[in-house]
Amino acid sequence: MRRLPGGNLVVEGRLKDVINRGGDKVPVEEVENHLLAHPRVHDVALIGYPDADMGERTCAFVVPRGEAPTRRDLIDHLVTRGLAAFKHPDRVRTLDGFPRTGAGKVDRAALARTMEATAEAL
């Protein structure tokens, strides 16, 4: 947090908890909780990444429990749970574990950078 010359405070360094996907608001925690209920998902982090058409799209980074679920497996699971289609992740990436911050939290910024690097490579 820092104070501007006019006295206002600015909070920095925290990714937002809502992703704006083409005007639809995707609540990160809600989607993550639905995905965590899948039997083959050990842990998950949903992040937004820039998209020229939608503004942002979503990617679910999944640490699997046993065999990794496919995006189709996860979408079927979300449909069964009644989650609106606009909240379904656009991409799914499987990882062995998440990068962590010095405080031990999931480093969402590092995950977002992997999406940016992928977009630049396309």
N, C-alpha and C. Protein backbone atom coordinates (compact mmCIF):
# COMPACT_ATOMS: atom_id res chain seq x y z
N MET A 1 0.85 -1.16 0.00
CA MET A 1 0.00 0.00 0.00
C MET A 1 0.90 1.22 0.00
N ARG A 2 0.44 2.25 -0.71
CA ARG A 2 1.19 3.51 -0.68
C ARG A 2 0.22 4.68 -0.66
N ARG A 3 0.70 5.81 -0.17
CA ARG A 3 -0.12 7.02 -0.08
C ARG A 3 0.26 7.96 -1.21
N LEU A 4 -0.74 8.41 -1.95
CA LEU A 4 -0.53 9.39 -3.02
C LEU A 4 -0.34 10.77 -2.41
N PRO A 5 0.27 11.71 -3.18
CA PRO A 5 0.50 13.06 -2.64
C PRO A 5 -0.79 13.72 -2.13
N GLY A 6 -1.93 13.39 -2.72
CA GLY A 6 -3.21 13.98 -2.29
C GLY A 6 -3.77 13.33 -1.04
N GLY A 7 -3.09 12.28 -0.53
CA GLY A 7 -3.55 11.63 0.70
C GLY A 7 -4.28 10.32 0.48
N ASN A 8 -4.69 10.02 -0.75
CA ASN A 8 -5.38 8.76 -1.02
C ASN A 8 -4.43 7.58 -0.91
N LEU A 9 -4.97 6.43 -0.50
CA LEU A 9 -4.19 5.21 -0.40
C LEU A 9 -4.42 4.35 -1.63
N VAL A 10 -3.37 3.69 -2.10
CA VAL A 10 -3.45 2.78 -3.24
C VAL A 10 -2.94 1.42 -2.78
N VAL A 11 -3.77 0.39 -2.99
CA VAL A 11 -3.36 -0.97 -2.66
C VAL A 11 -2.77 -1.58 -3.92
N GLU A 12 -1.56 -2.14 -3.79
CA GLU A 12 -0.87 -2.71 -4.94
C GLU A 12 -0.46 -4.15 -4.66
N GLY A 13 -0.12 -4.86 -5.73
CA GLY A 13 0.49 -6.17 -5.57
C GLY A 13 -0.48 -7.31 -5.38
N ARG A 14 -1.75 -7.10 -5.48
CA ARG A 14 -2.72 -8.17 -5.29
C ARG A 14 -3.57 -8.27 -6.56
N LEU A 15 -3.62 -9.48 -7.12
CA LEU A 15 -4.47 -9.68 -8.29
C LEU A 15 -5.92 -9.64 -7.86
N LYS A 16 -6.76 -9.19 -8.75
CA LYS A 16 -8.17 -9.08 -8.41
C LYS A 16 -8.82 -10.45 -8.25
N ASP A 17 -9.91 -10.47 -7.52
CA ASP A 17 -10.62 -11.71 -7.26
C ASP A 17 -11.77 -11.94 -8.23
N VAL A 18 -11.93 -11.04 -9.19
CA VAL A 18 -12.96 -11.15 -10.22
C VAL A 18 -12.30 -10.91 -11.57
N ILE A 19 -12.59 -11.79 -12.52
CA ILE A 19 -12.05 -11.66 -13.87
C ILE A 19 -13.15 -11.12 -14.77
N ASN A 20 -12.85 -10.07 -15.53
CA ASN A 20 -13.82 -9.48 -16.45
C ASN A 20 -13.64 -10.14 -17.81
N ARG A 21 -14.49 -11.11 -18.10
CA ARG A 21 -14.41 -11.90 -19.34
C ARG A 21 -15.50 -11.43 -20.29
N GLY A 22 -15.14 -10.52 -21.18
CA GLY A 22 -16.11 -10.03 -22.17
C GLY A 22 -17.29 -9.31 -21.54
N GLY A 23 -17.07 -8.66 -20.42
CA GLY A 23 -18.15 -7.96 -19.74
C GLY A 23 -18.81 -8.79 -18.65
N ASP A 24 -18.63 -10.11 -18.68
CA ASP A 24 -19.15 -10.98 -17.63
C ASP A 24 -18.13 -11.05 -16.50
N LYS A 25 -18.61 -10.98 -15.30
CA LYS A 25 -17.73 -11.04 -14.13
C LYS A 25 -17.62 -12.49 -13.66
N VAL A 26 -16.39 -13.01 -13.62
CA VAL A 26 -16.12 -14.39 -13.21
C VAL A 26 -15.47 -14.34 -11.82
N PRO A 27 -16.20 -14.75 -10.78
CA PRO A 27 -15.63 -14.75 -9.43
C PRO A 27 -14.65 -15.93 -9.26
N VAL A 28 -13.39 -15.60 -9.03
CA VAL A 28 -12.32 -16.60 -8.98
C VAL A 28 -12.60 -17.67 -7.92
N GLU A 29 -12.91 -17.26 -6.71
CA GLU A 29 -13.10 -18.22 -5.61
C GLU A 29 -14.25 -19.19 -5.90
N GLU A 30 -15.33 -18.69 -6.46
CA GLU A 30 -16.47 -19.56 -6.77
C GLU A 30 -16.08 -20.67 -7.74
N VAL A 31 -15.41 -20.29 -8.82
CA VAL A 31 -15.01 -21.28 -9.83
C VAL A 31 -13.99 -22.26 -9.23
N GLU A 32 -13.03 -21.73 -8.49
CA GLU A 32 -12.04 -22.61 -7.86
C GLU A 32 -12.70 -23.62 -6.93
N ASN A 33 -13.67 -23.18 -6.15
CA ASN A 33 -14.34 -24.10 -5.22
C ASN A 33 -15.08 -25.22 -5.97
N HIS A 34 -15.72 -24.89 -7.08
CA HIS A 34 -16.38 -25.92 -7.89
C HIS A 34 -15.36 -26.90 -8.45
N LEU A 35 -14.23 -26.38 -8.94
CA LEU A 35 -13.20 -27.25 -9.50
C LEU A 35 -12.56 -28.13 -8.43
N LEU A 36 -12.40 -27.60 -7.23
CA LEU A 36 -11.82 -28.39 -6.14
C LEU A 36 -12.69 -29.57 -5.74
N ALA A 37 -13.96 -29.50 -6.07
CA ALA A 37 -14.88 -30.60 -5.76
C ALA A 37 -14.72 -31.77 -6.72
N HIS A 38 -13.98 -31.59 -7.81
CA HIS A 38 -13.74 -32.69 -8.75
C HIS A 38 -12.79 -33.69 -8.08
N PRO A 39 -13.08 -34.98 -8.16
CA PRO A 39 -12.26 -35.97 -7.44
C PRO A 39 -10.80 -36.06 -7.91
N ARG A 40 -10.50 -35.59 -9.11
CA ARG A 40 -9.11 -35.67 -9.59
C ARG A 40 -8.38 -34.33 -9.51
N VAL A 41 -8.94 -33.37 -8.77
CA VAL A 41 -8.29 -32.08 -8.58
C VAL A 41 -7.83 -31.97 -7.13
N HIS A 42 -6.52 -31.87 -6.96
CA HIS A 42 -5.95 -31.68 -5.62
C HIS A 42 -5.94 -30.20 -5.24
N ASP A 43 -5.56 -29.35 -6.20
CA ASP A 43 -5.51 -27.91 -5.97
C ASP A 43 -5.72 -27.21 -7.29
N VAL A 44 -6.18 -25.97 -7.23
CA VAL A 44 -6.46 -25.22 -8.45
C VAL A 44 -6.28 -23.73 -8.20
N ALA A 45 -5.87 -23.01 -9.24
CA ALA A 45 -5.78 -21.55 -9.21
C ALA A 45 -6.31 -21.05 -10.55
N LEU A 46 -7.33 -20.21 -10.50
CA LEU A 46 -7.91 -19.62 -11.71
C LEU A 46 -7.32 -18.23 -11.88
N ILE A 47 -6.80 -17.96 -13.06
CA ILE A 47 -6.25 -16.63 -13.32
C ILE A 47 -6.85 -16.09 -14.62
N GLY A 48 -6.82 -14.77 -14.77
CA GLY A 48 -7.22 -14.14 -16.00
C GLY A 48 -5.99 -13.79 -16.82
N TYR A 49 -6.13 -13.85 -18.13
CA TYR A 49 -5.03 -13.45 -19.00
C TYR A 49 -5.59 -12.60 -20.13
N PRO A 50 -4.80 -11.67 -20.66
CA PRO A 50 -5.29 -10.73 -21.67
C PRO A 50 -5.74 -11.45 -22.95
N ASP A 51 -6.81 -10.92 -23.54
CA ASP A 51 -7.33 -11.44 -24.79
C ASP A 51 -7.86 -10.27 -25.62
N ALA A 52 -7.47 -10.22 -26.89
CA ALA A 52 -7.84 -9.09 -27.75
C ALA A 52 -9.35 -8.99 -27.96
N ASP A 53 -10.05 -10.11 -28.02
CA ASP A 53 -11.50 -10.10 -28.27
C ASP A 53 -12.32 -9.92 -27.01
N MET A 54 -11.95 -10.62 -25.93
CA MET A 54 -12.77 -10.65 -24.72
C MET A 54 -12.27 -9.72 -23.61
N GLY A 55 -11.11 -9.14 -23.80
CA GLY A 55 -10.51 -8.35 -22.72
C GLY A 55 -9.67 -9.26 -21.84
N GLU A 56 -10.32 -10.28 -21.27
CA GLU A 56 -9.63 -11.31 -20.49
C GLU A 56 -10.30 -12.65 -20.75
N ARG A 57 -9.51 -13.68 -20.66
CA ARG A 57 -10.01 -15.06 -20.65
C ARG A 57 -9.48 -15.71 -19.39
N THR A 58 -9.95 -16.94 -19.13
CA THR A 58 -9.55 -17.60 -17.89
C THR A 58 -8.77 -18.87 -18.16
N CYS A 59 -7.85 -19.15 -17.25
CA CYS A 59 -7.08 -20.38 -17.28
C CYS A 59 -7.09 -20.98 -15.88
N ALA A 60 -7.46 -22.26 -15.81
CA ALA A 60 -7.40 -22.99 -14.54
C ALA A 60 -6.10 -23.77 -14.51
N PHE A 61 -5.24 -23.43 -13.58
CA PHE A 61 -4.02 -24.20 -13.33
C PHE A 61 -4.39 -25.26 -12.30
N VAL A 62 -4.21 -26.52 -12.66
CA VAL A 62 -4.67 -27.63 -11.84
C VAL A 62 -3.49 -28.49 -11.39
N VAL A 63 -3.45 -28.78 -10.10
CA VAL A 63 -2.55 -29.79 -9.56
C VAL A 63 -3.44 -31.02 -9.37
N PRO A 64 -3.21 -32.07 -10.17
CA PRO A 64 -4.12 -33.22 -10.14
C PRO A 64 -3.90 -34.14 -8.94
N ARG A 65 -4.95 -34.89 -8.66
CA ARG A 65 -4.89 -35.98 -7.70
C ARG A 65 -4.96 -37.24 -8.55
N GLY A 66 -3.83 -37.90 -8.71
CA GLY A 66 -3.79 -39.07 -9.60
C GLY A 66 -3.74 -38.60 -11.05
N GLU A 67 -4.52 -39.27 -11.90
CA GLU A 67 -4.57 -38.93 -13.32
C GLU A 67 -5.17 -37.53 -13.51
N ALA A 68 -4.51 -36.71 -14.33
CA ALA A 68 -4.97 -35.34 -14.55
C ALA A 68 -6.29 -35.33 -15.34
N PRO A 69 -7.25 -34.52 -14.87
CA PRO A 69 -8.50 -34.39 -15.63
C PRO A 69 -8.26 -33.55 -16.88
N THR A 70 -9.00 -33.83 -17.93
CA THR A 70 -8.96 -33.01 -19.14
C THR A 70 -9.86 -31.80 -18.95
N ARG A 71 -9.74 -30.84 -19.85
CA ARG A 71 -10.65 -29.69 -19.80
C ARG A 71 -12.08 -30.18 -19.94
N ARG A 72 -12.31 -31.14 -20.82
CA ARG A 72 -13.66 -31.68 -21.01
C ARG A 72 -14.20 -32.29 -19.72
N ASP A 73 -13.35 -33.04 -19.00
CA ASP A 73 -13.76 -33.60 -17.70
C ASP A 73 -14.21 -32.50 -16.75
N LEU A 74 -13.43 -31.43 -16.70
CA LEU A 74 -13.75 -30.34 -15.78
C LEU A 74 -15.00 -29.59 -16.20
N ILE A 75 -15.17 -29.36 -17.50
CA ILE A 75 -16.37 -28.68 -17.99
C ILE A 75 -17.60 -29.52 -17.67
N ASP A 76 -17.55 -30.82 -17.94
CA ASP A 76 -18.68 -31.70 -17.62
C ASP A 76 -19.03 -31.61 -16.13
N HIS A 77 -18.01 -31.58 -15.30
CA HIS A 77 -18.19 -31.46 -13.85
C HIS A 77 -18.89 -30.14 -13.51
N LEU A 78 -18.43 -29.04 -14.12
CA LEU A 78 -19.03 -27.73 -13.84
C LEU A 78 -20.47 -27.64 -14.33
N VAL A 79 -20.75 -28.25 -15.47
CA VAL A 79 -22.13 -28.27 -15.99
C VAL A 79 -23.03 -29.02 -15.02
N THR A 80 -22.56 -30.16 -14.53
CA THR A 80 -23.33 -30.96 -13.57
C THR A 80 -23.63 -30.15 -12.31
N ARG A 81 -22.70 -29.30 -11.91
CA ARG A 81 -22.88 -28.48 -10.71
C ARG A 81 -23.68 -27.20 -10.98
N GLY A 82 -24.08 -26.98 -12.25
CA GLY A 82 -24.93 -25.84 -12.59
C GLY A 82 -24.20 -24.52 -12.75
N LEU A 83 -22.89 -24.55 -12.93
CA LEU A 83 -22.14 -23.32 -13.10
C LEU A 83 -22.37 -22.75 -14.49
N ALA A 84 -22.65 -21.46 -14.57
CA ALA A 84 -22.90 -20.80 -15.85
C ALA A 84 -21.74 -20.98 -16.81
N ALA A 85 -22.04 -21.16 -18.08
CA ALA A 85 -21.03 -21.46 -19.10
C ALA A 85 -19.95 -20.38 -19.19
N PHE A 86 -20.30 -19.10 -18.98
CA PHE A 86 -19.29 -18.05 -19.11
C PHE A 86 -18.24 -18.14 -18.01
N LYS A 87 -18.50 -18.92 -16.95
CA LYS A 87 -17.54 -19.08 -15.86
C LYS A 87 -16.62 -20.27 -16.08
N HIS A 88 -16.87 -21.07 -17.10
CA HIS A 88 -16.02 -22.23 -17.38
C HIS A 88 -14.65 -21.74 -17.85
N PRO A 89 -13.58 -22.38 -17.40
CA PRO A 89 -12.24 -21.93 -17.83
C PRO A 89 -12.03 -22.13 -19.33
N ASP A 90 -11.42 -21.12 -19.95
CA ASP A 90 -11.11 -21.19 -21.38
C ASP A 90 -9.96 -22.16 -21.64
N ARG A 91 -9.04 -22.22 -20.70
CA ARG A 91 -7.89 -23.12 -20.81
C ARG A 91 -7.70 -23.83 -19.49
N VAL A 92 -7.05 -24.99 -19.57
CA VAL A 92 -6.67 -25.73 -18.38
C VAL A 92 -5.21 -26.13 -18.55
N ARG A 93 -4.40 -25.85 -17.55
CA ARG A 93 -2.99 -26.25 -17.53
C ARG A 93 -2.77 -27.12 -16.31
N THR A 94 -2.05 -28.19 -16.48
CA THR A 94 -1.74 -29.09 -15.38
C THR A 94 -0.31 -28.85 -14.90
N LEU A 95 -0.15 -28.75 -13.60
CA LEU A 95 1.16 -28.53 -12.98
C LEU A 95 1.36 -29.56 -11.87
N ASP A 96 2.63 -29.83 -11.55
CA ASP A 96 2.94 -30.71 -10.42
C ASP A 96 2.77 -29.97 -9.10
N GLY A 97 2.88 -28.66 -9.13
CA GLY A 97 2.73 -27.82 -7.94
C GLY A 97 2.73 -26.37 -8.37
N PHE A 98 2.35 -25.50 -7.45
CA PHE A 98 2.28 -24.07 -7.76
C PHE A 98 3.53 -23.34 -7.32
N PRO A 99 3.92 -22.30 -8.08
CA PRO A 99 4.96 -21.42 -7.57
C PRO A 99 4.41 -20.71 -6.32
N ARG A 100 5.26 -20.44 -5.38
CA ARG A 100 4.82 -19.84 -4.12
C ARG A 100 5.52 -18.51 -3.87
N THR A 101 4.84 -17.63 -3.18
CA THR A 101 5.43 -16.37 -2.75
C THR A 101 6.29 -16.64 -1.52
N GLY A 102 7.00 -15.64 -1.06
CA GLY A 102 7.80 -15.78 0.15
C GLY A 102 6.95 -16.12 1.36
N ALA A 103 5.67 -15.76 1.34
CA ALA A 103 4.75 -16.05 2.45
C ALA A 103 4.10 -17.42 2.30
N GLY A 104 4.44 -18.15 1.22
CA GLY A 104 3.91 -19.49 1.03
C GLY A 104 2.58 -19.56 0.29
N LYS A 105 2.08 -18.42 -0.17
CA LYS A 105 0.83 -18.40 -0.93
C LYS A 105 1.10 -18.71 -2.39
N VAL A 106 0.05 -19.14 -3.12
CA VAL A 106 0.19 -19.39 -4.55
C VAL A 106 0.59 -18.08 -5.23
N ASP A 107 1.63 -18.13 -6.03
CA ASP A 107 2.11 -16.94 -6.74
C ASP A 107 1.33 -16.79 -8.05
N ARG A 108 0.19 -16.15 -7.95
CA ARG A 108 -0.69 -15.97 -9.11
C ARG A 108 -0.04 -15.11 -10.18
N ALA A 109 0.79 -14.17 -9.76
CA ALA A 109 1.50 -13.33 -10.73
C ALA A 109 2.43 -14.17 -11.59
N ALA A 110 3.09 -15.15 -10.99
CA ALA A 110 3.98 -16.04 -11.75
C ALA A 110 3.16 -16.88 -12.72
N LEU A 111 2.00 -17.34 -12.30
CA LEU A 111 1.13 -18.10 -13.20
C LEU A 111 0.67 -17.22 -14.36
N ALA A 112 0.31 -15.98 -14.07
CA ALA A 112 -0.11 -15.05 -15.12
C ALA A 112 1.02 -14.80 -16.11
N ARG A 113 2.25 -14.72 -15.60
CA ARG A 113 3.39 -14.50 -16.51
C ARG A 113 3.57 -15.68 -17.45
N THR A 114 3.27 -16.89 -17.00
CA THR A 114 3.39 -18.05 -17.90
C THR A 114 2.37 -17.95 -19.03
N MET A 115 1.20 -17.40 -18.74
CA MET A 115 0.19 -17.20 -19.78
C MET A 115 0.63 -16.12 -20.76
N GLU A 116 1.24 -15.04 -20.25
CA GLU A 116 1.73 -13.97 -21.12
C GLU A 116 2.83 -14.51 -22.04
N ALA A 117 3.73 -15.31 -21.50
CA ALA A 117 4.82 -15.87 -22.30
C ALA A 117 4.26 -16.78 -23.40
N THR A 118 3.22 -17.54 -23.07
CA THR A 118 2.58 -18.41 -24.06
C THR A 118 1.94 -17.58 -25.15
N ALA A 119 1.26 -16.50 -24.77
CA ALA A 119 0.58 -15.66 -25.77
C ALA A 119 1.59 -15.03 -26.72
N GLU A 120 2.75 -14.62 -26.20
CA GLU A 120 3.77 -14.00 -27.04
C GLU A 120 4.36 -15.01 -28.02
N ALA A 121 4.36 -16.28 -27.64
CA ALA A 121 4.93 -17.32 -28.49
C ALA A 121 4.00 -17.71 -29.63
N LEU A 122 2.71 -17.36 -29.51
CA LEU A 122 1.74 -17.76 -30.56
C LEU A 122 1.82 -16.89 -31.79
